[in-house]
Amino acid sequence: MTARVEVKGRDVVREAYRIETEDGRAYVPECLMTHALRPGARPSHQDAYEWIAAHRSALVHAVNRLACGATPRPPYDIMTLIEAR
């Protein structure tokens, strides 16, 4: 079974993308993406969507841990839970 991650847009103030999994919704800070893309630069929407797709499994696991009240492993420990399901 493939993990489902839907991108629900970008939060300009938080400089993060909102994602949704079966366990809940969370913010993924853009700084997680910049290390793999262009250090010091904000990722384009295309870059962000591709990065999220490539890291789908780790993001699903991080949201699951956040929804359970646990801390995800670094570097995903800087994600913020919006809402658990």
PDB file of N, CA and C in Angstrom:
ATOM      1  N   MET A   1       0.834  -1.182   0.000  1.00  0.00           N
ATOM      2  CA  MET A   1       0.000   0.000   0.000  1.00  0.00           C
ATOM      3  C   MET A   1       0.885   1.255   0.000  1.00  0.00           C
ATOM      4  N   THR A   2       0.575   2.183  -0.859  1.00  0.00           N
ATOM      5  CA  THR A   2       1.338   3.416  -0.968  1.00  0.00           C
ATOM      6  C   THR A   2       0.811   4.449   0.026  1.00  0.00           C
ATOM      7  N   ALA A   3       1.729   5.111   0.703  1.00  0.00           N
ATOM      8  CA  ALA A   3       1.355   6.148   1.655  1.00  0.00           C
ATOM      9  C   ALA A   3       0.772   7.338   0.905  1.00  0.00           C
ATOM     10  N   ARG A   4      -0.316   7.888   1.439  1.00  0.00           N
ATOM     11  CA  ARG A   4      -0.974   9.020   0.800  1.00  0.00           C
ATOM     12  C   ARG A   4      -0.554  10.311   1.480  1.00  0.00           C
ATOM     13  N   VAL A   5      -0.083  11.241   0.669  1.00  0.00           N
ATOM     14  CA  VAL A   5       0.238  12.583   1.145  1.00  0.00           C
ATOM     15  C   VAL A   5      -0.352  13.563   0.149  1.00  0.00           C
ATOM     16  N   GLU A   6      -1.226  14.423   0.635  1.00  0.00           N
ATOM     17  CA  GLU A   6      -1.796  15.480  -0.207  1.00  0.00           C
ATOM     18  C   GLU A   6      -1.224  16.814   0.232  1.00  0.00           C
ATOM     19  N   VAL A   7      -0.800  17.596  -0.733  1.00  0.00           N
ATOM     20  CA  VAL A   7      -0.322  18.939  -0.438  1.00  0.00           C
ATOM     21  C   VAL A   7      -1.538  19.859  -0.451  1.00  0.00           C
ATOM     22  N   LYS A   8      -1.722  20.593   0.628  1.00  0.00           N
ATOM     23  CA  LYS A   8      -2.885  21.462   0.783  1.00  0.00           C
ATOM     24  C   LYS A   8      -2.531  22.937   0.652  1.00  0.00           C
ATOM     25  N   GLY A   9      -1.354  23.221   0.084  1.00  0.00           N
ATOM     26  CA  GLY A   9      -0.973  24.597  -0.148  1.00  0.00           C
ATOM     27  C   GLY A   9       0.191  25.035   0.721  1.00  0.00           C
ATOM     28  N   ARG A  10       0.532  26.299   0.561  1.00  0.00           N
ATOM     29  CA  ARG A  10       1.675  26.883   1.266  1.00  0.00           C
ATOM     30  C   ARG A  10       1.184  27.944   2.238  1.00  0.00           C
ATOM     31  N   ASP A  11       1.737  27.941   3.438  1.00  0.00           N
ATOM     32  CA  ASP A  11       1.463  28.976   4.422  1.00  0.00           C
ATOM     33  C   ASP A  11       2.609  29.973   4.331  1.00  0.00           C
ATOM     34  N   VAL A  12       2.324  31.157   3.814  1.00  0.00           N
ATOM     35  CA  VAL A  12       3.341  32.176   3.567  1.00  0.00           C
ATOM     36  C   VAL A  12       4.008  32.623   4.862  1.00  0.00           C
ATOM     37  N   VAL A  13       3.220  32.840   5.891  1.00  0.00           N
ATOM     38  CA  VAL A  13       3.754  33.333   7.164  1.00  0.00           C
ATOM     39  C   VAL A  13       4.687  32.308   7.800  1.00  0.00           C
ATOM     40  N   ARG A  14       4.300  31.056   7.784  1.00  0.00           N
ATOM     41  CA  ARG A  14       5.117  29.996   8.401  1.00  0.00           C
ATOM     42  C   ARG A  14       6.241  29.507   7.495  1.00  0.00           C
ATOM     43  N   GLU A  15       6.210  29.918   6.224  1.00  0.00           N
ATOM     44  CA  GLU A  15       7.163  29.426   5.234  1.00  0.00           C
ATOM     45  C   GLU A  15       7.185  27.904   5.260  1.00  0.00           C
ATOM     46  N   ALA A  16       5.981  27.345   5.138  1.00  0.00           N
ATOM     47  CA  ALA A  16       5.824  25.894   5.211  1.00  0.00           C
ATOM     48  C   ALA A  16       4.684  25.460   4.294  1.00  0.00           C
ATOM     49  N   TYR A  17       4.738  24.202   3.901  1.00  0.00           N
ATOM     50  CA  TYR A  17       3.658  23.612   3.119  1.00  0.00           C
ATOM     51  C   TYR A  17       2.767  22.809   4.042  1.00  0.00           C
ATOM     52  N   ARG A  18       1.456  22.889   3.819  1.00  0.00           N
ATOM     53  CA  ARG A  18       0.498  22.090   4.569  1.00  0.00           C
ATOM     54  C   ARG A  18       0.338  20.761   3.835  1.00  0.00           C
ATOM     55  N   ILE A  19       0.464  19.673   4.582  1.00  0.00           N
ATOM     56  CA  ILE A  19       0.226  18.360   3.999  1.00  0.00           C
ATOM     57  C   ILE A  19      -0.834  17.636   4.810  1.00  0.00           C
ATOM     58  N   GLU A  20      -1.452  16.656   4.177  1.00  0.00           N
ATOM     59  CA  GLU A  20      -2.459  15.841   4.848  1.00  0.00           C
ATOM     60  C   GLU A  20      -2.163  14.378   4.575  1.00  0.00           C
ATOM     61  N   THR A  21      -2.206  13.571   5.638  1.00  0.00           N
ATOM     62  CA  THR A  21      -2.054  12.122   5.531  1.00  0.00           C
ATOM     63  C   THR A  21      -3.267  11.496   6.208  1.00  0.00           C
ATOM     64  N   GLU A  22      -3.298  10.191   6.255  1.00  0.00           N
ATOM     65  CA  GLU A  22      -4.413   9.510   6.919  1.00  0.00           C
ATOM     66  C   GLU A  22      -4.429   9.781   8.423  1.00  0.00           C
ATOM     67  N   ASP A  23      -3.291  10.169   8.993  1.00  0.00           N
ATOM     68  CA  ASP A  23      -3.207  10.409  10.435  1.00  0.00           C
ATOM     69  C   ASP A  23      -3.457  11.852  10.838  1.00  0.00           C
ATOM     70  N   GLY A  24      -3.404  12.771   9.876  1.00  0.00           N
ATOM     71  CA  GLY A  24      -3.637  14.165  10.215  1.00  0.00           C
ATOM     72  C   GLY A  24      -3.033  15.126   9.222  1.00  0.00           C
ATOM     73  N   ARG A  25      -3.024  16.400   9.628  1.00  0.00           N
ATOM     74  CA  ARG A  25      -2.463  17.473   8.804  1.00  0.00           C
ATOM     75  C   ARG A  25      -1.300  18.105   9.549  1.00  0.00           C
ATOM     76  N   ALA A  26      -0.287  18.537   8.784  1.00  0.00           N
ATOM     77  CA  ALA A  26       0.910  19.117   9.413  1.00  0.00           C
ATOM     78  C   ALA A  26       1.556  20.134   8.486  1.00  0.00           C
ATOM     79  N   TYR A  27       2.396  20.967   9.089  1.00  0.00           N
ATOM     80  CA  TYR A  27       3.213  21.909   8.333  1.00  0.00           C
ATOM     81  C   TYR A  27       4.582  21.285   8.097  1.00  0.00           C
ATOM     82  N   VAL A  28       5.056  21.382   6.860  1.00  0.00           N
ATOM     83  CA  VAL A  28       6.405  20.944   6.511  1.00  0.00           C
ATOM     84  C   VAL A  28       7.203  22.211   6.193  1.00  0.00           C
ATOM     85  N   PRO A  29       8.111  22.619   7.072  1.00  0.00           N
ATOM     86  CA  PRO A  29       8.882  23.839   6.834  1.00  0.00           C
ATOM     87  C   PRO A  29       9.723  23.737   5.555  1.00  0.00           C
ATOM     88  N   GLU A  30       9.763  24.837   4.829  1.00  0.00           N
ATOM     89  CA  GLU A  30      10.546  24.869   3.595  1.00  0.00           C
ATOM     90  C   GLU A  30      12.026  24.624   3.847  1.00  0.00           C
ATOM     91  N   CYS A  31      12.516  24.944   5.038  1.00  0.00           N
ATOM     92  CA  CYS A  31      13.940  24.753   5.318  1.00  0.00           C
ATOM     93  C   CYS A  31      14.346  23.280   5.227  1.00  0.00           C
ATOM     94  N   LEU A  32      13.395  22.349   5.407  1.00  0.00           N
ATOM     95  CA  LEU A  32      13.703  20.936   5.215  1.00  0.00           C
ATOM     96  C   LEU A  32      14.055  20.657   3.757  1.00  0.00           C
ATOM     97  N   MET A  33      13.415  21.372   2.869  1.00  0.00           N
ATOM     98  CA  MET A  33      13.575  21.146   1.428  1.00  0.00           C
ATOM     99  C   MET A  33      14.814  21.828   0.866  1.00  0.00           C
ATOM    100  N   THR A  34      15.216  22.936   1.453  1.00  0.00           N
ATOM    101  CA  THR A  34      16.295  23.732   0.865  1.00  0.00           C
ATOM    102  C   THR A  34      17.646  23.037   0.912  1.00  0.00           C
ATOM    103  N   HIS A  35      17.862  22.144   1.881  1.00  0.00           N
ATOM    104  CA  HIS A  35      19.146  21.452   1.960  1.00  0.00           C
ATOM    105  C   HIS A  35      19.362  20.574   0.735  1.00  0.00           C
ATOM    106  N   ALA A  36      18.297  19.981   0.240  1.00  0.00           N
ATOM    107  CA  ALA A  36      18.412  19.096  -0.914  1.00  0.00           C
ATOM    108  C   ALA A  36      18.286  19.854  -2.235  1.00  0.00           C
ATOM    109  N   LEU A  37      17.758  21.057  -2.193  1.00  0.00           N
ATOM    110  CA  LEU A  37      17.511  21.795  -3.428  1.00  0.00           C
ATOM    111  C   LEU A  37      18.552  22.888  -3.630  1.00  0.00           C
ATOM    112  N   ARG A  38      18.263  24.065  -3.138  1.00  0.00           N
ATOM    113  CA  ARG A  38      19.165  25.213  -3.287  1.00  0.00           C
ATOM    114  C   ARG A  38      19.362  25.844  -1.915  1.00  0.00           C
ATOM    115  N   PRO A  39      20.459  25.519  -1.247  1.00  0.00           N
ATOM    116  CA  PRO A  39      20.668  26.097   0.088  1.00  0.00           C
ATOM    117  C   PRO A  39      20.530  27.617   0.077  1.00  0.00           C
ATOM    118  N   GLY A  40      19.758  28.126   1.043  1.00  0.00           N
ATOM    119  CA  GLY A  40      19.583  29.569   1.170  1.00  0.00           C
ATOM    120  C   GLY A  40      18.483  30.157   0.312  1.00  0.00           C
ATOM    121  N   ALA A  41      17.881  29.361  -0.551  1.00  0.00           N
ATOM    122  CA  ALA A  41      16.824  29.862  -1.428  1.00  0.00           C
ATOM    123  C   ALA A  41      15.504  29.165  -1.110  1.00  0.00           C
ATOM    124  N   ARG A  42      14.411  29.876  -1.331  1.00  0.00           N
ATOM    125  CA  ARG A  42      13.088  29.280  -1.135  1.00  0.00           C
ATOM    126  C   ARG A  42      12.793  28.357  -2.317  1.00  0.00           C
ATOM    127  N   PRO A  43      12.303  27.146  -2.054  1.00  0.00           N
ATOM    128  CA  PRO A  43      12.007  26.239  -3.164  1.00  0.00           C
ATOM    129  C   PRO A  43      10.821  26.733  -3.990  1.00  0.00           C
ATOM    130  N   SER A  44      10.861  26.471  -5.283  1.00  0.00           N
ATOM    131  CA  SER A  44       9.695  26.764  -6.118  1.00  0.00           C
ATOM    132  C   SER A  44       8.596  25.780  -5.741  1.00  0.00           C
ATOM    133  N   HIS A  45       7.367  26.063  -6.145  1.00  0.00           N
ATOM    134  CA  HIS A  45       6.273  25.124  -5.862  1.00  0.00           C
ATOM    135  C   HIS A  45       6.580  23.764  -6.481  1.00  0.00           C
ATOM    136  N   GLN A  46       7.104  23.759  -7.681  1.00  0.00           N
ATOM    137  CA  GLN A  46       7.441  22.499  -8.350  1.00  0.00           C
ATOM    138  C   GLN A  46       8.482  21.723  -7.545  1.00  0.00           C
ATOM    139  N   ASP A  47       9.539  22.413  -7.110  1.00  0.00           N
ATOM    140  CA  ASP A  47      10.567  21.765  -6.293  1.00  0.00           C
ATOM    141  C   ASP A  47       9.970  21.209  -5.003  1.00  0.00           C
ATOM    142  N   ALA A  48       9.112  21.983  -4.360  1.00  0.00           N
ATOM    143  CA  ALA A  48       8.510  21.563  -3.094  1.00  0.00           C
ATOM    144  C   ALA A  48       7.636  20.323  -3.289  1.00  0.00           C
ATOM    145  N   TYR A  49       6.815  20.329  -4.323  1.00  0.00           N
ATOM    146  CA  TYR A  49       5.945  19.179  -4.580  1.00  0.00           C
ATOM    147  C   TYR A  49       6.772  17.937  -4.893  1.00  0.00           C
ATOM    148  N   GLU A  50       7.842  18.098  -5.653  1.00  0.00           N
ATOM    149  CA  GLU A  50       8.701  16.960  -5.973  1.00  0.00           C
ATOM    150  C   GLU A  50       9.419  16.454  -4.725  1.00  0.00           C
ATOM    151  N   TRP A  51       9.883  17.366  -3.873  1.00  0.00           N
ATOM    152  CA  TRP A  51      10.555  16.964  -2.638  1.00  0.00           C
ATOM    153  C   TRP A  51       9.575  16.211  -1.732  1.00  0.00           C
ATOM    154  N   ILE A  52       8.370  16.728  -1.602  1.00  0.00           N
ATOM    155  CA  ILE A  52       7.352  16.070  -0.765  1.00  0.00           C
ATOM    156  C   ILE A  52       7.057  14.670  -1.298  1.00  0.00           C
ATOM    157  N   ALA A  53       6.921  14.536  -2.606  1.00  0.00           N
ATOM    158  CA  ALA A  53       6.670  13.218  -3.205  1.00  0.00           C
ATOM    159  C   ALA A  53       7.827  12.258  -2.943  1.00  0.00           C
ATOM    160  N   ALA A  54       9.047  12.752  -3.064  1.00  0.00           N
ATOM    161  CA  ALA A  54      10.224  11.907  -2.852  1.00  0.00           C
ATOM    162  C   ALA A  54      10.388  11.491  -1.389  1.00  0.00           C
ATOM    163  N   HIS A  55       9.862  12.297  -0.462  1.00  0.00           N
ATOM    164  CA  HIS A  55       9.995  12.014   0.971  1.00  0.00           C
ATOM    165  C   HIS A  55       8.667  11.603   1.608  1.00  0.00           C
ATOM    166  N   ARG A  56       7.759  11.157   0.780  1.00  0.00           N
ATOM    167  CA  ARG A  56       6.399  10.807   1.208  1.00  0.00           C
ATOM    168  C   ARG A  56       6.383   9.854   2.400  1.00  0.00           C
ATOM    169  N   SER A  57       7.143   8.787   2.341  1.00  0.00           N
ATOM    170  CA  SER A  57       7.121   7.791   3.414  1.00  0.00           C
ATOM    171  C   SER A  57       7.571   8.391   4.753  1.00  0.00           C
ATOM    172  N   ALA A  58       8.657   9.151   4.732  1.00  0.00           N
ATOM    173  CA  ALA A  58       9.159   9.775   5.961  1.00  0.00           C
ATOM    174  C   ALA A  58       8.163  10.800   6.502  1.00  0.00           C
ATOM    175  N   LEU A  59       7.502  11.527   5.615  1.00  0.00           N
ATOM    176  CA  LEU A  59       6.514  12.524   6.051  1.00  0.00           C
ATOM    177  C   LEU A  59       5.304  11.851   6.685  1.00  0.00           C
ATOM    178  N   VAL A  60       4.843  10.751   6.096  1.00  0.00           N
ATOM    179  CA  VAL A  60       3.717  10.010   6.675  1.00  0.00           C
ATOM    180  C   VAL A  60       4.090   9.510   8.072  1.00  0.00           C
ATOM    181  N   HIS A  61       5.286   8.988   8.209  1.00  0.00           N
ATOM    182  CA  HIS A  61       5.742   8.494   9.517  1.00  0.00           C
ATOM    183  C   HIS A  61       5.825   9.640  10.526  1.00  0.00           C
ATOM    184  N   ALA A  62       6.333  10.792  10.094  1.00  0.00           N
ATOM    185  CA  ALA A  62       6.446  11.945  10.998  1.00  0.00           C
ATOM    186  C   ALA A  62       5.080  12.432  11.455  1.00  0.00           C
ATOM    187  N   VAL A  63       4.119  12.517  10.541  1.00  0.00           N
ATOM    188  CA  VAL A  63       2.769  12.953  10.920  1.00  0.00           C
ATOM    189  C   VAL A  63       2.146  11.936  11.874  1.00  0.00           C
ATOM    190  N   ASN A  64       2.375  10.665  11.636  1.00  0.00           N
ATOM    191  CA  ASN A  64       1.859   9.627  12.532  1.00  0.00           C
ATOM    192  C   ASN A  64       2.422   9.801  13.932  1.00  0.00           C
ATOM    193  N   ARG A  65       3.724  10.028  14.040  1.00  0.00           N
ATOM    194  CA  ARG A  65       4.349  10.222  15.360  1.00  0.00           C
ATOM    195  C   ARG A  65       3.811  11.467  16.047  1.00  0.00           C
ATOM    196  N   LEU A  66       3.662  12.554  15.287  1.00  0.00           N
ATOM    197  CA  LEU A  66       3.114  13.786  15.867  1.00  0.00           C
ATOM    198  C   LEU A  66       1.687  13.554  16.362  1.00  0.00           C
ATOM    199  N   ALA A  67       0.886  12.848  15.574  1.00  0.00           N
ATOM    200  CA  ALA A  67      -0.508  12.582  15.954  1.00  0.00           C
ATOM    201  C   ALA A  67      -0.604  11.713  17.204  1.00  0.00           C
ATOM    202  N   CYS A  68       0.419  10.888  17.438  1.00  0.00           N
ATOM    203  CA  CYS A  68       0.458  10.026  18.627  1.00  0.00           C
ATOM    204  C   CYS A  68       1.075  10.726  19.838  1.00  0.00           C
ATOM    205  N   GLY A  69       1.506  11.974  19.644  1.00  0.00           N
ATOM    206  CA  GLY A  69       2.103  12.722  20.741  1.00  0.00           C
ATOM    207  C   GLY A  69       3.593  12.502  20.898  1.00  0.00           C
ATOM    208  N   ALA A  70       4.208  11.849  19.914  1.00  0.00           N
ATOM    209  CA  ALA A  70       5.647  11.590  19.962  1.00  0.00           C
ATOM    210  C   ALA A  70       6.378  12.576  19.056  1.00  0.00           C
ATOM    211  N   THR A  71       7.681  12.613  19.178  1.00  0.00           N
ATOM    212  CA  THR A  71       8.509  13.490  18.355  1.00  0.00           C
ATOM    213  C   THR A  71       9.103  12.687  17.202  1.00  0.00           C
ATOM    214  N   PRO A  72       8.944  13.163  15.975  1.00  0.00           N
ATOM    215  CA  PRO A  72       9.575  12.473  14.834  1.00  0.00           C
ATOM    216  C   PRO A  72      11.091  12.569  14.917  1.00  0.00           C
ATOM    217  N   ARG A  73      11.745  11.706  14.184  1.00  0.00           N
ATOM    218  CA  ARG A  73      13.209  11.744  14.104  1.00  0.00           C
ATOM    219  C   ARG A  73      13.645  12.980  13.330  1.00  0.00           C
ATOM    220  N   PRO A  74      14.820  13.509  13.691  1.00  0.00           N
ATOM    221  CA  PRO A  74      15.371  14.629  12.920  1.00  0.00           C
ATOM    222  C   PRO A  74      15.600  14.190  11.464  1.00  0.00           C
ATOM    223  N   PRO A  75      15.443  15.039  10.550  1.00  0.00           N
ATOM    224  CA  PRO A  75      15.166  16.466  10.630  1.00  0.00           C
ATOM    225  C   PRO A  75      13.668  16.783  10.700  1.00  0.00           C
ATOM    226  N   TYR A  76      12.830  15.748  10.681  1.00  0.00           N
ATOM    227  CA  TYR A  76      11.375  15.946  10.652  1.00  0.00           C
ATOM    228  C   TYR A  76      10.807  16.400  11.986  1.00  0.00           C
ATOM    229  N   ASP A  77      11.639  16.495  12.996  1.00  0.00           N
ATOM    230  CA  ASP A  77      11.198  16.927  14.325  1.00  0.00           C
ATOM    231  C   ASP A  77      10.801  18.401  14.360  1.00  0.00           C
ATOM    232  N   ILE A  78      11.058  19.135  13.293  1.00  0.00           N
ATOM    233  CA  ILE A  78      10.643  20.547  13.245  1.00  0.00           C
ATOM    234  C   ILE A  78       9.285  20.730  12.585  1.00  0.00           C
ATOM    235  N   MET A  79       8.666  19.641  12.171  1.00  0.00           N
ATOM    236  CA  MET A  79       7.313  19.721  11.619  1.00  0.00           C
ATOM    237  C   MET A  79       6.334  20.044  12.748  1.00  0.00           C
ATOM    238  N   THR A  80       5.209  20.655  12.392  1.00  0.00           N
ATOM    239  CA  THR A  80       4.188  21.015  13.372  1.00  0.00           C
ATOM    240  C   THR A  80       2.868  20.374  12.987  1.00  0.00           C
ATOM    241  N   LEU A  81       2.243  19.719  13.934  1.00  0.00           N
ATOM    242  CA  LEU A  81       0.941  19.114  13.702  1.00  0.00           C
ATOM    243  C   LEU A  81      -0.138  20.196  13.702  1.00  0.00           C
ATOM    244  N   ILE A  82      -0.981  20.167  12.699  1.00  0.00           N
ATOM    245  CA  ILE A  82      -2.116  21.082  12.632  1.00  0.00           C
ATOM    246  C   ILE A  82      -3.322  20.425  13.282  1.00  0.00           C
ATOM    247  N   GLU A  83      -3.547  19.187  12.903  1.00  0.00           N
ATOM    248  CA  GLU A  83      -4.715  18.469  13.398  1.00  0.00           C
ATOM    249  C   GLU A  83      -4.509  16.969  13.220  1.00  0.00           C
ATOM    250  N   ALA A  84      -4.782  16.194  14.272  1.00  0.00           N
ATOM    251  CA  ALA A  84      -4.720  14.727  14.201  1.00  0.00           C
ATOM    252  C   ALA A  84      -6.095  14.199  13.796  1.00  0.00           C
ATOM    253  N   ARG A  85      -6.094  13.030  13.247  1.00  0.00           N
ATOM    254  CA  ARG A  85      -7.383  12.382  12.888  1.00  0.00           C
ATOM    255  C   ARG A  85      -7.691  11.271  13.834  1.00  0.00           C
TER     256      ARG A  85
END
